[in-house]
């Protein structure tokens, strides 16, 4: 995954409402973040698969960040 894709993903996470990130189940959250990330980026199927796997592996971090923002 390129640094550009990674930066865009994390900006999507930061811009997303905490409530949304916390309410969705794992599959729905991955789908949402992939969709939001790929809106502005043209990704091939390999990059999209890698992005999905990367997001899946970072779900606890994403939810921790959302909880932190919610209580701040």
C-alpha atoms as a PDB file:
ATOM      1  CA  UNK A   1       0.000   0.000   0.000  1.00  0.00           C
ATOM      2  CA  UNK A   2       1.365   3.369  -0.939  1.00  0.00           C
ATOM      3  CA  UNK A   3       1.842   6.167   1.586  1.00  0.00           C
ATOM      4  CA  UNK A   4      -0.770   8.190  -0.325  1.00  0.00           C
ATOM      5  CA  UNK A   5      -3.424   5.497   0.189  1.00  0.00           C
ATOM      6  CA  UNK A   6      -2.502   5.108   3.842  1.00  0.00           C
ATOM      7  CA  UNK A   7      -2.671   8.869   4.486  1.00  0.00           C
ATOM      8  CA  UNK A   8      -6.027   9.063   2.742  1.00  0.00           C
ATOM      9  CA  UNK A   9      -7.424   6.155   4.762  1.00  0.00           C
ATOM     10  CA  UNK A  10      -6.424   7.732   8.064  1.00  0.00           C
ATOM     11  CA  UNK A  11      -7.847  11.087   7.020  1.00  0.00           C
ATOM     12  CA  UNK A  12     -11.129   9.282   6.257  1.00  0.00           C
ATOM     13  CA  UNK A  13     -11.022   7.691   9.717  1.00  0.00           C
ATOM     14  CA  UNK A  14     -10.411  11.079  11.329  1.00  0.00           C
ATOM     15  CA  UNK A  15     -13.217  12.707   9.336  1.00  0.00           C
ATOM     16  CA  UNK A  16     -15.735   9.972  10.129  1.00  0.00           C
ATOM     17  CA  UNK A  17     -18.135  10.411  12.998  1.00  0.00           C
ATOM     18  CA  UNK A  18     -17.112   8.478  16.086  1.00  0.00           C
ATOM     19  CA  UNK A  19     -20.647   7.208  16.562  1.00  0.00           C
ATOM     20  CA  UNK A  20     -20.629   5.635  13.091  1.00  0.00           C
ATOM     21  CA  UNK A  21     -17.246   3.978  13.613  1.00  0.00           C
ATOM     22  CA  UNK A  22     -18.391   2.496  16.908  1.00  0.00           C
ATOM     23  CA  UNK A  23     -21.838   1.305  15.832  1.00  0.00           C
ATOM     24  CA  UNK A  24     -20.955  -0.651  12.696  1.00  0.00           C
ATOM     25  CA  UNK A  25     -19.992  -4.318  12.813  1.00  0.00           C
ATOM     26  CA  UNK A  26     -16.541  -5.276  11.504  1.00  0.00           C
ATOM     27  CA  UNK A  27     -17.610  -6.155   7.955  1.00  0.00           C
ATOM     28  CA  UNK A  28     -19.694  -3.007   7.521  1.00  0.00           C
ATOM     29  CA  UNK A  29     -16.968  -0.805   8.949  1.00  0.00           C
ATOM     30  CA  UNK A  30     -14.344  -2.244   6.598  1.00  0.00           C
ATOM     31  CA  UNK A  31     -16.697  -1.789   3.641  1.00  0.00           C
ATOM     32  CA  UNK A  32     -17.463   1.798   4.619  1.00  0.00           C
ATOM     33  CA  UNK A  33     -13.820   2.767   5.026  1.00  0.00           C
ATOM     34  CA  UNK A  34     -12.781   1.077   1.774  1.00  0.00           C
ATOM     35  CA  UNK A  35     -15.604   2.811  -0.080  1.00  0.00           C
ATOM     36  CA  UNK A  36     -14.794   6.209   1.429  1.00  0.00           C
ATOM     37  CA  UNK A  37     -11.071   5.785   0.723  1.00  0.00           C
ATOM     38  CA  UNK A  38     -11.556   4.713  -2.875  1.00  0.00           C
ATOM     39  CA  UNK A  39     -13.929   7.569  -3.771  1.00  0.00           C
ATOM     40  CA  UNK A  40     -10.994   9.841  -4.606  1.00  0.00           C
ATOM     41  CA  UNK A  41      -8.364   7.221  -5.362  1.00  0.00           C
ATOM     42  CA  UNK A  42      -8.305   4.860  -8.294  1.00  0.00           C
ATOM     43  CA  UNK A  43      -7.258   1.498  -6.857  1.00  0.00           C
ATOM     44  CA  UNK A  44      -6.835  -1.820  -8.601  1.00  0.00           C
ATOM     45  CA  UNK A  45      -8.277  -5.014  -7.113  1.00  0.00           C
ATOM     46  CA  UNK A  46      -4.983  -5.940  -5.400  1.00  0.00           C
ATOM     47  CA  UNK A  47      -4.738  -2.564  -3.692  1.00  0.00           C
ATOM     48  CA  UNK A  48      -8.374  -2.765  -2.613  1.00  0.00           C
ATOM     49  CA  UNK A  49      -7.842  -6.263  -1.176  1.00  0.00           C
ATOM     50  CA  UNK A  50      -4.738  -5.121   0.670  1.00  0.00           C
ATOM     51  CA  UNK A  51      -6.572  -2.049   1.956  1.00  0.00           C
ATOM     52  CA  UNK A  52      -9.395  -4.242   3.258  1.00  0.00           C
ATOM     53  CA  UNK A  53      -6.932  -6.524   5.044  1.00  0.00           C
ATOM     54  CA  UNK A  54      -5.068  -3.548   6.480  1.00  0.00           C
ATOM     55  CA  UNK A  55      -8.279  -1.984   7.802  1.00  0.00           C
ATOM     56  CA  UNK A  56      -9.392  -5.318   9.260  1.00  0.00           C
ATOM     57  CA  UNK A  57      -6.110  -5.597  11.157  1.00  0.00           C
ATOM     58  CA  UNK A  58      -6.475  -2.027  12.476  1.00  0.00           C
ATOM     59  CA  UNK A  59     -10.116  -2.169  13.618  1.00  0.00           C
ATOM     60  CA  UNK A  60      -9.250  -2.172  17.343  1.00  0.00           C
ATOM     61  CA  UNK A  61      -7.089   0.926  16.821  1.00  0.00           C
ATOM     62  CA  UNK A  62      -9.776   2.643  14.743  1.00  0.00           C
ATOM     63  CA  UNK A  63     -12.396   1.974  17.413  1.00  0.00           C
ATOM     64  CA  UNK A  64     -10.048   3.098  20.205  1.00  0.00           C
ATOM     65  CA  UNK A  65      -9.450   6.356  18.349  1.00  0.00           C
ATOM     66  CA  UNK A  66     -13.200   6.837  17.877  1.00  0.00           C
ATOM     67  CA  UNK A  67     -13.846   6.212  21.590  1.00  0.00           C
ATOM     68  CA  UNK A  68     -11.111   8.670  22.523  1.00  0.00           C
ATOM     69  CA  UNK A  69     -12.629  11.374  20.313  1.00  0.00           C
ATOM     70  CA  UNK A  70     -16.100  10.671  21.623  1.00  0.00           C
ATOM     71  CA  UNK A  71     -15.051  11.314  25.215  1.00  0.00           C
ATOM     72  CA  UNK A  72     -12.771  14.263  24.518  1.00  0.00           C
END
